[in-house]
Amino acid sequence: RAEYIKKKISERIERCSVTLVYLTENSAQSDWVNWEITKSIELGKGVVCVHKHGENLTSYPKSVTENNLPVVAWNHEALNSAIAKASSES
């Protein structure tokens, strides 16, 4: 079942220019979040991580820190800017 899910997620990642990852306190422990970020980077996609405005996360998924990915609060201006930048870099 996991391979089928990965295949379907990969198909969706291939169709986009930027992968938007919503972070929560539980994201840091998620193998799926790390896999999705890694897959996006492998496919040459930009990646932007976003969290709830006003929420201070204490930890990030390993793939976020290893790849020095941008993390922004869910704020219209910050999100638009980060997506535009990630799109131009991919």
PDB file of N, CA and C in Angstrom:
ATOM      1  N   ARG A   1       0.818  -1.203   0.000  1.00  0.00           N
ATOM      2  CA  ARG A   1       0.000   0.000   0.000  1.00  0.00           C
ATOM      3  C   ARG A   1       0.859   1.263   0.000  1.00  0.00           C
ATOM      4  N   ALA A   2       1.972   1.262   0.712  1.00  0.00           N
ATOM      5  CA  ALA A   2       2.835   2.443   0.777  1.00  0.00           C
ATOM      6  C   ALA A   2       3.391   2.798  -0.607  1.00  0.00           C
ATOM      7  N   GLU A   3       3.752   1.799  -1.392  1.00  0.00           N
ATOM      8  CA  GLU A   3       4.294   2.069  -2.728  1.00  0.00           C
ATOM      9  C   GLU A   3       3.241   2.715  -3.626  1.00  0.00           C
ATOM     10  N   TYR A   4       2.005   2.262  -3.510  1.00  0.00           N
ATOM     11  CA  TYR A   4       0.906   2.858  -4.289  1.00  0.00           C
ATOM     12  C   TYR A   4       0.728   4.327  -3.898  1.00  0.00           C
ATOM     13  N   ILE A   5       0.753   4.617  -2.609  1.00  0.00           N
ATOM     14  CA  ILE A   5       0.591   5.994  -2.123  1.00  0.00           C
ATOM     15  C   ILE A   5       1.749   6.860  -2.622  1.00  0.00           C
ATOM     16  N   LYS A   6       2.966   6.351  -2.539  1.00  0.00           N
ATOM     17  CA  LYS A   6       4.123   7.098  -3.025  1.00  0.00           C
ATOM     18  C   LYS A   6       4.003   7.394  -4.521  1.00  0.00           C
ATOM     19  N   LYS A   7       3.524   6.410  -5.265  1.00  0.00           N
ATOM     20  CA  LYS A   7       3.356   6.588  -6.712  1.00  0.00           C
ATOM     21  C   LYS A   7       2.369   7.717  -6.987  1.00  0.00           C
ATOM     22  N   LYS A   8       1.247   7.721  -6.291  1.00  0.00           N
ATOM     23  CA  LYS A   8       0.212   8.737  -6.510  1.00  0.00           C
ATOM     24  C   LYS A   8       0.688  10.124  -6.083  1.00  0.00           C
ATOM     25  N   ILE A   9       1.398  10.203  -4.965  1.00  0.00           N
ATOM     26  CA  ILE A   9       1.931  11.492  -4.515  1.00  0.00           C
ATOM     27  C   ILE A   9       2.987  11.982  -5.508  1.00  0.00           C
ATOM     28  N   SER A  10       3.836  11.081  -5.983  1.00  0.00           N
ATOM     29  CA  SER A  10       4.866  11.448  -6.964  1.00  0.00           C
ATOM     30  C   SER A  10       4.247  12.031  -8.231  1.00  0.00           C
ATOM     31  N   GLU A  11       3.152  11.439  -8.676  1.00  0.00           N
ATOM     32  CA  GLU A  11       2.463  11.943  -9.868  1.00  0.00           C
ATOM     33  C   GLU A  11       1.994  13.382  -9.655  1.00  0.00           C
ATOM     34  N   ARG A  12       1.509  13.669  -8.480  1.00  0.00           N
ATOM     35  CA  ARG A  12       1.033  15.024  -8.185  1.00  0.00           C
ATOM     36  C   ARG A  12       2.200  16.009  -8.065  1.00  0.00           C
ATOM     37  N   ILE A  13       3.288  15.568  -7.451  1.00  0.00           N
ATOM     38  CA  ILE A  13       4.465  16.427  -7.329  1.00  0.00           C
ATOM     39  C   ILE A  13       5.008  16.764  -8.714  1.00  0.00           C
ATOM     40  N   GLU A  14       5.023  15.793  -9.615  1.00  0.00           N
ATOM     41  CA  GLU A  14       5.534  16.016 -10.968  1.00  0.00           C
ATOM     42  C   GLU A  14       4.762  17.102 -11.703  1.00  0.00           C
ATOM     43  N   ARG A  15       3.485  17.288 -11.367  1.00  0.00           N
ATOM     44  CA  ARG A  15       2.642  18.258 -12.064  1.00  0.00           C
ATOM     45  C   ARG A  15       2.732  19.674 -11.495  1.00  0.00           C
ATOM     46  N   CYS A  16       3.505  19.872 -10.465  1.00  0.00           N
ATOM     47  CA  CYS A  16       3.578  21.201  -9.858  1.00  0.00           C
ATOM     48  C   CYS A  16       4.982  21.778 -10.001  1.00  0.00           C
ATOM     49  N   SER A  17       5.103  23.065  -9.735  1.00  0.00           N
ATOM     50  CA  SER A  17       6.433  23.675  -9.761  1.00  0.00           C
ATOM     51  C   SER A  17       6.976  23.863  -8.351  1.00  0.00           C
ATOM     52  N   VAL A  18       6.074  23.977  -7.371  1.00  0.00           N
ATOM     53  CA  VAL A  18       6.463  24.170  -5.974  1.00  0.00           C
ATOM     54  C   VAL A  18       5.613  23.256  -5.093  1.00  0.00           C
ATOM     55  N   THR A  19       6.259  22.594  -4.143  1.00  0.00           N
ATOM     56  CA  THR A  19       5.558  21.781  -3.166  1.00  0.00           C
ATOM     57  C   THR A  19       5.412  22.611  -1.892  1.00  0.00           C
ATOM     58  N   LEU A  20       4.191  22.751  -1.428  1.00  0.00           N
ATOM     59  CA  LEU A  20       3.896  23.481  -0.205  1.00  0.00           C
ATOM     60  C   LEU A  20       3.671  22.463   0.902  1.00  0.00           C
ATOM     61  N   VAL A  21       4.470  22.560   1.969  1.00  0.00           N
ATOM     62  CA  VAL A  21       4.408  21.594   3.064  1.00  0.00           C
ATOM     63  C   VAL A  21       3.891  22.310   4.312  1.00  0.00           C
ATOM     64  N   TYR A  22       2.764  21.846   4.838  1.00  0.00           N
ATOM     65  CA  TYR A  22       2.198  22.438   6.048  1.00  0.00           C
ATOM     66  C   TYR A  22       2.811  21.742   7.264  1.00  0.00           C
ATOM     67  N   LEU A  23       3.505  22.520   8.089  1.00  0.00           N
ATOM     68  CA  LEU A  23       4.193  21.958   9.249  1.00  0.00           C
ATOM     69  C   LEU A  23       3.362  22.095  10.521  1.00  0.00           C
ATOM     70  N   THR A  24       3.429  21.048  11.333  1.00  0.00           N
ATOM     71  CA  THR A  24       2.821  21.043  12.663  1.00  0.00           C
ATOM     72  C   THR A  24       3.876  20.501  13.626  1.00  0.00           C
ATOM     73  N   GLU A  25       3.553  20.458  14.895  1.00  0.00           N
ATOM     74  CA  GLU A  25       4.490  19.883  15.870  1.00  0.00           C
ATOM     75  C   GLU A  25       4.799  18.414  15.557  1.00  0.00           C
ATOM     76  N   ASN A  26       3.870  17.707  14.916  1.00  0.00           N
ATOM     77  CA  ASN A  26       4.074  16.294  14.611  1.00  0.00           C
ATOM     78  C   ASN A  26       4.854  16.048  13.319  1.00  0.00           C
ATOM     79  N   SER A  27       5.023  17.073  12.502  1.00  0.00           N
ATOM     80  CA  SER A  27       5.703  16.912  11.217  1.00  0.00           C
ATOM     81  C   SER A  27       7.136  16.423  11.359  1.00  0.00           C
ATOM     82  N   ALA A  28       7.814  16.862  12.404  1.00  0.00           N
ATOM     83  CA  ALA A  28       9.226  16.509  12.573  1.00  0.00           C
ATOM     84  C   ALA A  28       9.433  15.000  12.681  1.00  0.00           C
ATOM     85  N   GLN A  29       8.448  14.279  13.163  1.00  0.00           N
ATOM     86  CA  GLN A  29       8.562  12.837  13.319  1.00  0.00           C
ATOM     87  C   GLN A  29       7.960  12.052  12.153  1.00  0.00           C
ATOM     88  N   SER A  30       7.468  12.740  11.146  1.00  0.00           N
ATOM     89  CA  SER A  30       6.763  12.069  10.054  1.00  0.00           C
ATOM     90  C   SER A  30       7.697  11.622   8.935  1.00  0.00           C
ATOM     91  N   ASP A  31       7.766  10.323   8.733  1.00  0.00           N
ATOM     92  CA  ASP A  31       8.537   9.791   7.602  1.00  0.00           C
ATOM     93  C   ASP A  31       7.926  10.234   6.280  1.00  0.00           C
ATOM     94  N   TRP A  32       6.605  10.351   6.242  1.00  0.00           N
ATOM     95  CA  TRP A  32       5.923  10.763   5.021  1.00  0.00           C
ATOM     96  C   TRP A  32       6.273  12.191   4.635  1.00  0.00           C
ATOM     97  N   VAL A  33       6.333  13.090   5.589  1.00  0.00           N
ATOM     98  CA  VAL A  33       6.695  14.482   5.295  1.00  0.00           C
ATOM     99  C   VAL A  33       8.121  14.535   4.753  1.00  0.00           C
ATOM    100  N   ASN A  34       9.038  13.841   5.401  1.00  0.00           N
ATOM    101  CA  ASN A  34      10.417  13.802   4.915  1.00  0.00           C
ATOM    102  C   ASN A  34      10.508  13.203   3.519  1.00  0.00           C
ATOM    103  N   TRP A  35       9.758  12.152   3.274  1.00  0.00           N
ATOM    104  CA  TRP A  35       9.777  11.519   1.955  1.00  0.00           C
ATOM    105  C   TRP A  35       9.261  12.494   0.894  1.00  0.00           C
ATOM    106  N   GLU A  36       8.154  13.162   1.178  1.00  0.00           N
ATOM    107  CA  GLU A  36       7.558  14.089   0.209  1.00  0.00           C
ATOM    108  C   GLU A  36       8.512  15.242  -0.124  1.00  0.00           C
ATOM    109  N   ILE A  37       9.174  15.779   0.886  1.00  0.00           N
ATOM    110  CA  ILE A  37      10.129  16.859   0.653  1.00  0.00           C
ATOM    111  C   ILE A  37      11.306  16.350  -0.189  1.00  0.00           C
ATOM    112  N   THR A  38      11.852  15.205   0.194  1.00  0.00           N
ATOM    113  CA  THR A  38      12.985  14.636  -0.535  1.00  0.00           C
ATOM    114  C   THR A  38      12.613  14.344  -1.985  1.00  0.00           C
ATOM    115  N   LYS A  39      11.445  13.777  -2.207  1.00  0.00           N
ATOM    116  CA  LYS A  39      10.978  13.468  -3.557  1.00  0.00           C
ATOM    117  C   LYS A  39      10.825  14.738  -4.382  1.00  0.00           C
ATOM    118  N   SER A  40      10.281  15.774  -3.777  1.00  0.00           N
ATOM    119  CA  SER A  40      10.103  17.047  -4.480  1.00  0.00           C
ATOM    120  C   SER A  40      11.445  17.601  -4.931  1.00  0.00           C
ATOM    121  N   ILE A  41      12.425  17.553  -4.056  1.00  0.00           N
ATOM    122  CA  ILE A  41      13.759  18.051  -4.388  1.00  0.00           C
ATOM    123  C   ILE A  41      14.391  17.194  -5.485  1.00  0.00           C
ATOM    124  N   GLU A  42      14.237  15.867  -5.389  1.00  0.00           N
ATOM    125  CA  GLU A  42      14.761  14.962  -6.419  1.00  0.00           C
ATOM    126  C   GLU A  42      14.181  15.290  -7.791  1.00  0.00           C
ATOM    127  N   LEU A  43      12.910  15.703  -7.810  1.00  0.00           N
ATOM    128  CA  LEU A  43      12.233  16.025  -9.072  1.00  0.00           C
ATOM    129  C   LEU A  43      12.481  17.467  -9.506  1.00  0.00           C
ATOM    130  N   GLY A  44      13.322  18.190  -8.769  1.00  0.00           N
ATOM    131  CA  GLY A  44      13.672  19.550  -9.152  1.00  0.00           C
ATOM    132  C   GLY A  44      12.611  20.590  -8.835  1.00  0.00           C
ATOM    133  N   LYS A  45      11.760  20.281  -7.883  1.00  0.00           N
ATOM    134  CA  LYS A  45      10.692  21.204  -7.513  1.00  0.00           C
ATOM    135  C   LYS A  45      11.133  22.109  -6.373  1.00  0.00           C
ATOM    136  N   GLY A  46      10.619  23.313  -6.346  1.00  0.00           N
ATOM    137  CA  GLY A  46      10.842  24.180  -5.205  1.00  0.00           C
ATOM    138  C   GLY A  46      10.008  23.668  -4.040  1.00  0.00           C
ATOM    139  N   VAL A  47      10.455  23.931  -2.822  1.00  0.00           N
ATOM    140  CA  VAL A  47       9.725  23.497  -1.635  1.00  0.00           C
ATOM    141  C   VAL A  47       9.619  24.678  -0.671  1.00  0.00           C
ATOM    142  N   VAL A  48       8.405  24.940  -0.216  1.00  0.00           N
ATOM    143  CA  VAL A  48       8.154  25.976   0.785  1.00  0.00           C
ATOM    144  C   VAL A  48       7.411  25.324   1.938  1.00  0.00           C
ATOM    145  N   CYS A  49       7.888  25.565   3.146  1.00  0.00           N
ATOM    146  CA  CYS A  49       7.244  25.029   4.337  1.00  0.00           C
ATOM    147  C   CYS A  49       6.490  26.163   5.027  1.00  0.00           C
ATOM    148  N   VAL A  50       5.299  25.862   5.482  1.00  0.00           N
ATOM    149  CA  VAL A  50       4.455  26.881   6.085  1.00  0.00           C
ATOM    150  C   VAL A  50       3.875  26.346   7.379  1.00  0.00           C
ATOM    151  N   HIS A  51       3.673  27.234   8.341  1.00  0.00           N
ATOM    152  CA  HIS A  51       3.044  26.853   9.605  1.00  0.00           C
ATOM    153  C   HIS A  51       1.991  27.884   9.973  1.00  0.00           C
ATOM    154  N   LYS A  52       1.147  27.547  10.884  1.00  0.00           N
ATOM    155  CA  LYS A  52       0.082  28.432  11.334  1.00  0.00           C
ATOM    156  C   LYS A  52       0.682  29.725  11.879  1.00  0.00           C
ATOM    157  N   HIS A  53       0.126  30.844  11.462  1.00  0.00           N
ATOM    158  CA  HIS A  53       0.606  32.152  11.925  1.00  0.00           C
ATOM    159  C   HIS A  53       0.509  32.231  13.443  1.00  0.00           C
ATOM    160  N   GLY A  54       1.578  32.658  14.076  1.00  0.00           N
ATOM    161  CA  GLY A  54       1.602  32.786  15.527  1.00  0.00           C
ATOM    162  C   GLY A  54       2.048  31.528  16.250  1.00  0.00           C
ATOM    163  N   GLU A  55       2.249  30.450  15.519  1.00  0.00           N
ATOM    164  CA  GLU A  55       2.684  29.189  16.126  1.00  0.00           C
ATOM    165  C   GLU A  55       4.205  29.101  16.053  1.00  0.00           C
ATOM    166  N   ASN A  56       4.838  28.835  17.155  1.00  0.00           N
ATOM    167  CA  ASN A  56       6.291  28.685  17.193  1.00  0.00           C
ATOM    168  C   ASN A  56       6.642  27.208  17.284  1.00  0.00           C
ATOM    169  N   LEU A  57       7.080  26.660  16.175  1.00  0.00           N
ATOM    170  CA  LEU A  57       7.451  25.247  16.163  1.00  0.00           C
ATOM    171  C   LEU A  57       8.806  25.074  16.834  1.00  0.00           C
ATOM    172  N   THR A  58       8.941  24.008  17.596  1.00  0.00           N
ATOM    173  CA  THR A  58      10.203  23.757  18.298  1.00  0.00           C
ATOM    174  C   THR A  58      11.133  22.830  17.522  1.00  0.00           C
ATOM    175  N   SER A  59      10.578  22.110  16.535  1.00  0.00           N
ATOM    176  CA  SER A  59      11.420  21.231  15.721  1.00  0.00           C
ATOM    177  C   SER A  59      10.833  21.116  14.325  1.00  0.00           C
ATOM    178  N   TYR A  60      11.711  20.816  13.382  1.00  0.00           N
ATOM    179  CA  TYR A  60      11.321  20.682  11.980  1.00  0.00           C
ATOM    180  C   TYR A  60      11.707  19.300  11.476  1.00  0.00           C
ATOM    181  N   PRO A  61      11.061  18.845  10.392  1.00  0.00           N
ATOM    182  CA  PRO A  61      11.491  17.579   9.789  1.00  0.00           C
ATOM    183  C   PRO A  61      12.955  17.675   9.354  1.00  0.00           C
ATOM    184  N   LYS A  62      13.641  16.571   9.434  1.00  0.00           N
ATOM    185  CA  LYS A  62      15.059  16.494   9.090  1.00  0.00           C
ATOM    186  C   LYS A  62      15.335  17.067   7.702  1.00  0.00           C
ATOM    187  N   SER A  63      14.473  16.766   6.740  1.00  0.00           N
ATOM    188  CA  SER A  63      14.686  17.223   5.366  1.00  0.00           C
ATOM    189  C   SER A  63      14.562  18.741   5.234  1.00  0.00           C
ATOM    190  N   VAL A  64      13.859  19.382   6.141  1.00  0.00           N
ATOM    191  CA  VAL A  64      13.743  20.844   6.117  1.00  0.00           C
ATOM    192  C   VAL A  64      15.080  21.466   6.509  1.00  0.00           C
ATOM    193  N   THR A  65      15.638  20.997   7.603  1.00  0.00           N
ATOM    194  CA  THR A  65      16.900  21.570   8.080  1.00  0.00           C
ATOM    195  C   THR A  65      18.076  21.176   7.188  1.00  0.00           C
ATOM    196  N   GLU A  66      18.106  19.939   6.722  1.00  0.00           N
ATOM    197  CA  GLU A  66      19.208  19.486   5.858  1.00  0.00           C
ATOM    198  C   GLU A  66      19.271  20.258   4.547  1.00  0.00           C
ATOM    199  N   ASN A  67      18.124  20.662   4.037  1.00  0.00           N
ATOM    200  CA  ASN A  67      18.066  21.357   2.755  1.00  0.00           C
ATOM    201  C   ASN A  67      17.885  22.862   2.903  1.00  0.00           C
ATOM    202  N   ASN A  68      17.935  23.338   4.152  1.00  0.00           N
ATOM    203  CA  ASN A  68      17.820  24.767   4.426  1.00  0.00           C
ATOM    204  C   ASN A  68      16.596  25.378   3.728  1.00  0.00           C
ATOM    205  N   LEU A  69      15.457  24.708   3.872  1.00  0.00           N
ATOM    206  CA  LEU A  69      14.248  25.148   3.194  1.00  0.00           C
ATOM    207  C   LEU A  69      13.606  26.335   3.910  1.00  0.00           C
ATOM    208  N   PRO A  70      12.957  27.205   3.133  1.00  0.00           N
ATOM    209  CA  PRO A  70      12.285  28.339   3.758  1.00  0.00           C
ATOM    210  C   PRO A  70      11.064  27.887   4.554  1.00  0.00           C
ATOM    211  N   VAL A  71      10.903  28.479   5.730  1.00  0.00           N
ATOM    212  CA  VAL A  71       9.738  28.212   6.579  1.00  0.00           C
ATOM    213  C   VAL A  71       9.091  29.561   6.856  1.00  0.00           C
ATOM    214  N   VAL A  72       7.823  29.690   6.478  1.00  0.00           N
ATOM    215  CA  VAL A  72       7.115  30.950   6.673  1.00  0.00           C
ATOM    216  C   VAL A  72       5.803  30.706   7.405  1.00  0.00           C
ATOM    217  N   ALA A  73       5.328  31.753   8.059  1.00  0.00           N
ATOM    218  CA  ALA A  73       4.016  31.682   8.705  1.00  0.00           C
ATOM    219  C   ALA A  73       2.934  31.793   7.631  1.00  0.00           C
ATOM    220  N   TRP A  74       1.772  31.230   7.935  1.00  0.00           N
ATOM    221  CA  TRP A  74       0.653  31.286   7.004  1.00  0.00           C
ATOM    222  C   TRP A  74       0.161  32.734   6.961  1.00  0.00           C
ATOM    223  N   ASN A  75       0.781  33.476   6.064  1.00  0.00           N
ATOM    224  CA  ASN A  75       0.530  34.890   5.890  1.00  0.00           C
ATOM    225  C   ASN A  75       0.575  35.127   4.391  1.00  0.00           C
ATOM    226  N   HIS A  76      -0.419  35.767   3.856  1.00  0.00           N
ATOM    227  CA  HIS A  76      -0.569  35.912   2.410  1.00  0.00           C
ATOM    228  C   HIS A  76       0.695  36.450   1.734  1.00  0.00           C
ATOM    229  N   GLU A  77       1.232  37.550   2.220  1.00  0.00           N
ATOM    230  CA  GLU A  77       2.406  38.157   1.596  1.00  0.00           C
ATOM    231  C   GLU A  77       3.639  37.264   1.696  1.00  0.00           C
ATOM    232  N   ALA A  78       3.894  36.739   2.893  1.00  0.00           N
ATOM    233  CA  ALA A  78       5.071  35.895   3.090  1.00  0.00           C
ATOM    234  C   ALA A  78       4.979  34.626   2.248  1.00  0.00           C
ATOM    235  N   LEU A  79       3.801  34.047   2.185  1.00  0.00           N
ATOM    236  CA  LEU A  79       3.595  32.823   1.415  1.00  0.00           C
ATOM    237  C   LEU A  79       3.779  33.082  -0.079  1.00  0.00           C
ATOM    238  N   ASN A  80       3.173  34.142  -0.591  1.00  0.00           N
ATOM    239  CA  ASN A  80       3.334  34.478  -2.010  1.00  0.00           C
ATOM    240  C   ASN A  80       4.797  34.710  -2.364  1.00  0.00           C
ATOM    241  N   SER A  81       5.491  35.438  -1.525  1.00  0.00           N
ATOM    242  CA  SER A  81       6.892  35.731  -1.775  1.00  0.00           C
ATOM    243  C   SER A  81       7.744  34.454  -1.778  1.00  0.00           C
ATOM    244  N   ALA A  82       7.531  33.581  -0.799  1.00  0.00           N
ATOM    245  CA  ALA A  82       8.295  32.340  -0.709  1.00  0.00           C
ATOM    246  C   ALA A  82       8.010  31.425  -1.900  1.00  0.00           C
ATOM    247  N   ILE A  83       6.753  31.347  -2.326  1.00  0.00           N
ATOM    248  CA  ILE A  83       6.406  30.499  -3.461  1.00  0.00           C
ATOM    249  C   ILE A  83       7.029  31.047  -4.749  1.00  0.00           C
ATOM    250  N   ALA A  84       6.970  32.349  -4.937  1.00  0.00           N
ATOM    251  CA  ALA A  84       7.566  32.955  -6.128  1.00  0.00           C
ATOM    252  C   ALA A  84       9.067  32.702  -6.178  1.00  0.00           C
ATOM    253  N   LYS A  85       9.726  32.842  -5.050  1.00  0.00           N
ATOM    254  CA  LYS A  85      11.167  32.611  -4.991  1.00  0.00           C
ATOM    255  C   LYS A  85      11.506  31.141  -5.269  1.00  0.00           C
ATOM    256  N   ALA A  86      10.771  30.217  -4.610  1.00  0.00           N
ATOM    257  CA  ALA A  86      11.019  28.785  -4.808  1.00  0.00           C
ATOM    258  C   ALA A  86      10.748  28.380  -6.261  1.00  0.00           C
ATOM    259  N   SER A  87       9.752  28.983  -6.863  1.00  0.00           N
ATOM    260  CA  SER A  87       9.400  28.671  -8.241  1.00  0.00           C
ATOM    261  C   SER A  87      10.509  29.098  -9.194  1.00  0.00           C
ATOM    262  N   SER A  88      11.115  30.226  -8.914  1.00  0.00           N
ATOM    263  CA  SER A  88      12.172  30.721  -9.811  1.00  0.00           C
ATOM    264  C   SER A  88      13.487  29.977  -9.608  1.00  0.00           C
ATOM    265  N   GLU A  89      13.659  29.337  -8.455  1.00  0.00           N
ATOM    266  CA  GLU A  89      14.893  28.607  -8.163  1.00  0.00           C
ATOM    267  C   GLU A  89      14.849  27.157  -8.615  1.00  0.00           C
ATOM    268  N   SER A  90      13.652  26.638  -8.903  1.00  0.00           N
ATOM    269  CA  SER A  90      13.564  25.216  -9.279  1.00  0.00           C
ATOM    270  C   SER A  90      13.786  25.016 -10.756  1.00  0.00           C
TER     271      SER A  90
END
